[in-house]
């Protein structure tokens, strides 16, 4: 019962602080002219989104960090190296995304950091992750509890960490193309990982990581008050890169990497569609989909933006509930 109360309170605090902060932060973004530049390749219906404030990821990032720090000082949650890793990834991927957003706004186009620059930044963060993770006494093992599989990956675990962090952050970044889509799917994913964290009793600081997840779920719901159709603010790379990498870090720390694949099902499909489309155009000079990622394909078919978001949210929720069943109960 105490776990339920903690989760509910963390979610509530995250929501209230996010909504309150977001109300004033959007006014600030408008005042300093931090606005979205829409790609020329998108449909005409997206052109009306030109000029809407971006960098809205701070609406859930700052309240989550501040709340977590306050709870640490109040001894409501305990500091651990595993919690430090999650907070480190959350903050520094947000910083990387902020630099990318800043360059896009400064240049007034969609060109921010180059792919090499982004990869270098992600590599540095992954190396620090790996160092703290190993120094904390964690073993470089890939574990599938349900199947009784435990693989010692040795030094290759560092490469594995980089791949998971980069893949997850870029998957959320790709999915952030419709009002409320990435934010809603991320809230569902963090809800699932929060529940899984509560069940990972053998992991140092798992309960505190769960509280962090629920704070972030509440903050994301607060952000969706401003981001669902019609959006008053976009999360930008500062939000999407941070969310994807943090989801991956929680899954890695709680040793639920395989379960994570199920939770990220919608994000993975979105990414695969983009990869397939790119390969098909380069090597076969033809499109497999009307447009990539997948949500834009549905738009080309004539679906309304809100219907696509509702479908993807539903799929994300079903996959997350299945993942909880697989990762905790079965």
Protein backbone atom coordinates (compact mmCIF):
# COMPACT_ATOMS: atom_id res chain seq x y z
CA UNK A 1 0.00 0.00 0.00
CA UNK A 2 2.92 2.33 0.80
CA UNK A 3 4.34 1.72 -2.70
CA UNK A 4 1.01 2.73 -4.25
CA UNK A 5 0.85 5.87 -2.09
CA UNK A 6 4.42 6.85 -2.98
CA UNK A 7 3.76 6.32 -6.69
CA UNK A 8 0.51 8.33 -6.64
CA UNK A 9 2.10 11.20 -4.70
CA UNK A 10 5.17 11.29 -6.97
CA UNK A 11 2.91 11.39 -10.04
CA UNK A 12 0.76 14.14 -8.51
CA UNK A 13 3.75 16.31 -7.58
CA UNK A 14 5.22 15.87 -11.06
CA UNK A 15 1.92 16.88 -12.68
CA UNK A 16 1.29 19.98 -10.52
CA UNK A 17 4.85 21.32 -10.83
CA UNK A 18 4.92 20.68 -14.58
CA UNK A 19 1.60 22.41 -15.29
CA UNK A 20 2.52 25.39 -13.11
CA UNK A 21 6.00 25.74 -14.57
CA UNK A 22 4.73 25.16 -18.13
CA UNK A 23 2.18 27.98 -17.93
CA UNK A 24 4.90 30.56 -17.24
CA UNK A 25 7.63 28.91 -19.32
CA UNK A 26 5.58 29.05 -22.55
CA UNK A 27 5.08 32.79 -22.00
CA UNK A 28 8.86 33.09 -21.61
CA UNK A 29 9.52 31.13 -24.82
CA UNK A 30 7.18 33.42 -26.76
CA UNK A 31 8.79 36.51 -25.28
CA UNK A 32 12.34 35.46 -26.29
CA UNK A 33 11.07 34.15 -29.67
CA UNK A 34 12.09 30.48 -29.25
CA UNK A 35 9.93 29.14 -32.07
CA UNK A 36 9.60 26.05 -34.25
CA UNK A 37 10.88 25.85 -37.84
CA UNK A 38 8.77 23.38 -39.85
CA UNK A 39 10.44 21.18 -42.48
CA UNK A 40 9.59 22.04 -46.10
CA UNK A 41 8.93 18.33 -46.77
CA UNK A 42 5.93 18.09 -44.46
CA UNK A 43 2.30 18.40 -45.54
CA UNK A 44 0.54 21.76 -45.79
CA UNK A 45 -1.41 21.06 -42.60
CA UNK A 46 1.90 21.19 -40.69
CA UNK A 47 2.76 24.65 -42.02
CA UNK A 48 0.38 26.23 -39.51
CA UNK A 49 2.70 24.92 -36.76
CA UNK A 50 5.43 27.28 -37.93
CA UNK A 51 6.29 29.68 -35.13
CA UNK A 52 4.91 27.61 -32.23
CA UNK A 53 7.37 27.69 -29.27
CA UNK A 54 9.82 24.80 -29.00
CA UNK A 55 12.22 23.52 -26.29
CA UNK A 56 9.09 22.60 -24.31
CA UNK A 57 10.94 19.55 -22.98
CA UNK A 58 12.11 21.79 -20.14
CA UNK A 59 8.48 21.75 -18.92
CA UNK A 60 8.94 18.17 -17.71
CA UNK A 61 12.74 18.13 -17.31
CA UNK A 62 13.17 20.99 -14.83
CA UNK A 63 10.23 20.06 -12.50
CA UNK A 64 11.39 16.42 -12.45
CA UNK A 65 14.98 17.34 -11.53
CA UNK A 66 13.92 19.91 -8.91
CA UNK A 67 11.39 17.51 -7.35
CA UNK A 68 13.95 14.66 -7.23
CA UNK A 69 16.53 16.93 -5.56
CA UNK A 70 13.99 18.15 -2.98
CA UNK A 71 12.98 14.56 -2.17
CA UNK A 72 16.66 13.64 -1.77
CA UNK A 73 17.24 16.50 0.70
CA UNK A 74 14.06 15.52 2.58
CA UNK A 75 15.32 11.90 2.75
CA UNK A 76 12.15 10.70 1.04
CA UNK A 77 14.33 8.92 -1.49
CA UNK A 78 17.90 7.68 -1.00
CA UNK A 79 20.90 8.56 -3.12
CA UNK A 80 22.52 5.65 -4.96
CA UNK A 81 24.90 5.30 -7.87
CA UNK A 82 22.12 3.80 -9.97
CA UNK A 83 19.89 6.81 -9.35
CA UNK A 84 22.89 9.04 -10.16
CA UNK A 85 23.26 7.27 -13.53
CA UNK A 86 19.60 7.86 -14.42
CA UNK A 87 19.76 11.54 -13.43
CA UNK A 88 23.09 11.96 -15.25
CA UNK A 89 21.68 10.52 -18.50
CA UNK A 90 18.46 12.55 -18.10
CA UNK A 91 20.33 15.85 -17.67
CA UNK A 92 23.17 15.41 -20.15
CA UNK A 93 21.06 14.07 -23.01
CA UNK A 94 18.79 17.07 -22.39
CA UNK A 95 21.87 19.30 -22.62
CA UNK A 96 22.86 17.65 -25.91
CA UNK A 97 19.33 18.17 -27.24
CA UNK A 98 19.35 21.79 -26.04
CA UNK A 99 22.51 22.53 -28.03
CA UNK A 100 20.89 20.97 -31.12
CA UNK A 101 17.68 23.01 -30.63
CA UNK A 102 19.64 26.20 -30.01
CA UNK A 103 21.60 25.83 -33.26
CA UNK A 104 18.39 25.14 -35.22
CA UNK A 105 16.74 28.27 -33.81
CA UNK A 106 19.87 30.39 -34.32
CA UNK A 107 20.20 29.31 -37.98
CA UNK A 108 16.42 29.45 -38.65
CA UNK A 109 16.39 26.02 -40.34
CA UNK A 110 16.31 22.33 -39.36
CA UNK A 111 20.10 21.93 -39.27
CA UNK A 112 21.47 21.65 -35.75
CA UNK A 113 24.31 19.40 -34.63
CA UNK A 114 25.72 17.06 -37.29
CA UNK A 115 25.19 13.31 -36.89
CA UNK A 116 28.88 12.91 -35.99
CA UNK A 117 28.67 15.61 -33.31
CA UNK A 118 25.55 14.02 -31.82
CA UNK A 119 27.13 10.56 -31.85
CA UNK A 120 30.29 11.89 -30.17
CA UNK A 121 28.22 13.50 -27.42
CA UNK A 122 26.20 10.33 -26.94
CA UNK A 123 29.41 8.28 -26.83
CA UNK A 124 30.85 10.44 -24.02
CA UNK A 125 27.66 10.09 -21.97
CA UNK A 126 27.59 6.32 -22.54
CA UNK A 127 31.22 6.00 -21.40
CA UNK A 128 30.48 7.83 -18.13
CA UNK A 129 27.36 5.64 -17.72
CA UNK A 130 29.49 2.49 -18.17
CA UNK A 131 32.19 3.73 -15.75
CA UNK A 132 29.74 4.54 -12.92
CA UNK A 133 27.75 1.36 -13.62
CA UNK A 134 30.80 -0.94 -13.31
CA UNK A 135 32.29 0.99 -10.34
CA UNK A 136 28.97 0.54 -8.52
CA UNK A 137 29.52 -3.23 -8.52
CA UNK A 138 27.12 -4.01 -11.34
CA UNK A 139 28.13 -6.87 -13.61
CA UNK A 140 28.21 -6.51 -17.41
CA UNK A 141 25.58 -9.21 -17.86
CA UNK A 142 22.60 -9.44 -20.18
CA UNK A 143 19.90 -11.24 -18.18
CA UNK A 144 16.57 -12.68 -19.31
CA UNK A 145 14.98 -13.82 -16.06
CA UNK A 146 11.93 -15.53 -17.58
CA UNK A 147 14.09 -17.75 -19.81
CA UNK A 148 16.86 -18.22 -17.24
CA UNK A 149 19.49 -16.70 -19.57
CA UNK A 150 22.51 -14.84 -18.19
CA UNK A 151 25.21 -13.74 -20.67
CA UNK A 152 28.51 -12.21 -19.48
CA UNK A 153 29.27 -9.57 -22.15
CA UNK A 154 32.51 -8.26 -20.65
CA UNK A 155 33.94 -5.13 -22.31
CA UNK A 156 31.40 -5.48 -25.14
CA UNK A 157 28.76 -4.36 -22.64
CA UNK A 158 30.04 -0.80 -23.13
CA UNK A 159 29.29 -1.03 -26.86
CA UNK A 160 25.89 -2.51 -26.01
CA UNK A 161 25.14 0.43 -23.68
CA UNK A 162 26.03 2.93 -26.40
CA UNK A 163 23.81 1.15 -28.92
CA UNK A 164 20.79 0.99 -26.59
CA UNK A 165 21.13 4.64 -25.47
CA UNK A 166 21.61 5.98 -29.02
CA UNK A 167 18.89 3.78 -30.53
CA UNK A 168 16.34 4.65 -27.85
CA UNK A 169 17.02 8.41 -27.87
CA UNK A 170 16.85 8.58 -31.67
CA UNK A 171 13.68 6.43 -31.74
CA UNK A 172 11.82 8.89 -29.48
CA UNK A 173 13.27 11.77 -31.50
CA UNK A 174 11.91 10.25 -34.75
CA UNK A 175 8.49 9.65 -33.19
CA UNK A 176 8.16 13.27 -32.07
CA UNK A 177 6.29 14.38 -35.19
CA UNK A 178 2.65 14.80 -34.15
CA UNK A 179 1.07 16.74 -31.28
CA UNK A 180 1.27 14.66 -28.10
CA UNK A 181 2.59 11.51 -29.80
CA UNK A 182 6.07 11.13 -28.30
CA UNK A 183 5.05 12.68 -24.96
CA UNK A 184 2.11 10.32 -24.48
CA UNK A 185 4.04 7.22 -25.53
CA UNK A 186 6.93 8.19 -23.23
CA UNK A 187 4.55 8.66 -20.27
CA UNK A 188 3.16 5.16 -20.88
CA UNK A 189 6.68 3.71 -21.18
CA UNK A 190 7.89 5.37 -17.96
CA UNK A 191 4.75 4.16 -16.17
CA UNK A 192 5.63 0.59 -17.20
CA UNK A 193 9.30 0.97 -16.21
CA UNK A 194 8.29 2.54 -12.89
CA UNK A 195 6.19 -0.54 -12.07
CA UNK A 196 9.01 -2.82 -13.22
CA UNK A 197 11.49 -0.87 -11.05
CA UNK A 198 9.33 -1.44 -7.97
CA UNK A 199 9.53 -5.17 -8.73
CA UNK A 200 13.33 -5.14 -9.17
CA UNK A 201 14.00 -5.53 -5.45
CA UNK A 202 17.49 -6.98 -5.93
CA UNK A 203 18.72 -3.82 -7.68
CA UNK A 204 20.33 -1.04 -5.60
CA UNK A 205 18.07 2.03 -5.52
CA UNK A 206 15.32 0.42 -7.63
CA UNK A 207 12.54 1.89 -5.47
CA UNK A 208 14.01 5.39 -5.76
CA UNK A 209 14.31 4.99 -9.54
CA UNK A 210 10.64 3.97 -9.55
CA UNK A 211 9.73 7.19 -7.71
CA UNK A 212 11.75 9.16 -10.29
CA UNK A 213 9.83 7.41 -13.10
CA UNK A 214 6.47 8.30 -11.55
CA UNK A 215 7.50 11.94 -11.02
CA UNK A 216 8.40 12.04 -14.71
CA UNK A 217 5.10 10.38 -15.70
CA UNK A 218 3.22 13.13 -13.84
CA UNK A 219 5.43 15.81 -15.40
CA UNK A 220 4.82 14.38 -18.88
CA UNK A 221 1.06 14.36 -18.32
CA UNK A 222 1.39 18.01 -17.29
CA UNK A 223 3.39 18.70 -20.45
CA UNK A 224 0.66 17.04 -22.54
CA UNK A 225 -1.77 19.69 -21.27
CA UNK A 226 0.15 22.06 -23.57
CA UNK A 227 1.36 19.60 -26.21
CA UNK A 228 -1.75 17.68 -27.31
CA UNK A 229 -3.60 18.83 -30.43
CA UNK A 230 -3.51 21.70 -31.11
CA UNK A 231 -0.09 22.03 -29.51
CA UNK A 232 0.87 25.25 -27.76
CA UNK A 233 4.49 24.08 -27.44
CA UNK A 234 6.78 21.35 -28.86
CA UNK A 235 9.24 19.37 -26.74
CA UNK A 236 12.17 19.74 -29.17
CA UNK A 237 15.33 17.61 -29.12
CA UNK A 238 15.98 18.74 -25.54
CA UNK A 239 12.99 16.60 -24.55
CA UNK A 240 13.00 13.73 -27.04
CA UNK A 241 16.70 12.82 -26.78
CA UNK A 242 16.55 12.97 -22.99
CA UNK A 243 13.39 10.83 -22.74
CA UNK A 244 14.68 8.08 -25.03
CA UNK A 245 18.07 7.76 -23.34
CA UNK A 246 16.56 7.85 -19.83
CA UNK A 247 14.09 5.11 -20.72
CA UNK A 248 17.04 3.00 -21.88
CA UNK A 249 19.07 3.73 -18.73
CA UNK A 250 16.24 2.59 -16.43
CA UNK A 251 15.78 -0.61 -18.45
CA UNK A 252 19.52 -1.36 -18.34
CA UNK A 253 19.90 -0.69 -14.61
CA UNK A 254 16.89 -2.87 -13.73
CA UNK A 255 18.20 -5.60 -16.10
CA UNK A 256 15.07 -5.59 -18.25
CA UNK A 257 16.62 -4.90 -21.65
CA UNK A 258 14.52 -7.54 -23.42
CA UNK A 259 11.32 -6.35 -21.74
CA UNK A 260 12.32 -2.86 -22.89
CA UNK A 261 12.07 -3.97 -26.53
CA UNK A 262 8.37 -4.74 -25.98
CA UNK A 263 7.74 -1.44 -24.15
CA UNK A 264 9.41 0.47 -27.00
CA UNK A 265 7.45 -1.42 -29.66
CA UNK A 266 5.81 1.62 -31.27
CA UNK A 267 9.06 3.62 -31.21
CA UNK A 268 10.91 0.66 -32.79
CA UNK A 269 8.35 0.30 -35.59
CA UNK A 270 8.60 4.03 -36.30
CA UNK A 271 12.39 3.72 -36.55
CA UNK A 272 12.29 0.57 -38.71
CA UNK A 273 9.89 2.27 -41.15
CA UNK A 274 12.30 5.20 -41.49
CA UNK A 275 15.26 2.84 -42.05
CA UNK A 276 13.38 0.71 -44.62
CA UNK A 277 12.26 3.84 -46.47
CA UNK A 278 15.82 5.21 -46.55
CA UNK A 279 17.32 1.94 -47.83
CA UNK A 280 14.61 1.54 -50.45
CA UNK A 281 15.11 5.08 -51.80
CA UNK A 282 18.92 4.83 -51.88
CA UNK A 283 19.25 1.35 -53.40
CA UNK A 284 15.98 0.80 -55.28
CA UNK A 285 14.94 4.41 -56.03
CA UNK A 286 11.39 3.81 -54.83
CA UNK A 287 9.32 4.38 -51.69
CA UNK A 288 7.87 1.54 -49.63
CA UNK A 289 5.74 3.95 -47.57
CA UNK A 290 4.04 7.16 -48.66
CA UNK A 291 6.21 8.98 -46.12
CA UNK A 292 8.38 8.04 -43.15
CA UNK A 293 8.23 7.71 -40.16
CA UNK A 294 5.01 5.69 -39.95
CA UNK A 295 2.82 8.45 -38.47
CA UNK A 296 3.39 10.54 -41.60
CA UNK A 297 2.39 7.55 -43.77
CA UNK A 298 -0.98 7.49 -41.99
CA UNK A 299 -1.29 11.24 -42.55
CA UNK A 300 -0.76 10.72 -46.28
CA UNK A 301 -3.55 8.12 -46.18
CA UNK A 302 -5.87 10.89 -44.95
CA UNK A 303 -6.01 10.08 -41.22
CA UNK A 304 -6.47 12.99 -38.84
CA UNK A 305 -3.57 13.74 -36.52
CA UNK A 306 -5.55 13.01 -33.34
CA UNK A 307 -6.72 9.61 -34.66
CA UNK A 308 -3.15 8.55 -35.39
CA UNK A 309 -2.00 9.63 -31.92
CA UNK A 310 -4.86 7.74 -30.23
CA UNK A 311 -4.04 4.57 -32.21
CA UNK A 312 -0.34 4.75 -31.37
CA UNK A 313 -1.04 5.50 -27.69
CA UNK A 314 -3.35 2.47 -27.53
CA UNK A 315 -0.71 0.22 -29.12
CA UNK A 316 1.92 1.59 -26.72
CA UNK A 317 -0.32 0.93 -23.71
CA UNK A 318 -1.10 -2.65 -24.78
CA UNK A 319 2.59 -3.41 -25.39
CA UNK A 320 3.60 -1.86 -22.06
CA UNK A 321 1.02 -3.88 -20.13
CA UNK A 322 2.23 -7.02 -21.90
CA UNK A 323 5.82 -6.10 -21.01
CA UNK A 324 4.93 -5.65 -17.33
CA UNK A 325 3.28 -9.08 -17.33
CA UNK A 326 6.37 -10.57 -18.97
CA UNK A 327 8.96 -8.68 -16.94
CA UNK A 328 7.40 -8.81 -13.47
CA UNK A 329 4.72 -11.47 -13.19
CA UNK A 330 5.34 -14.32 -15.64
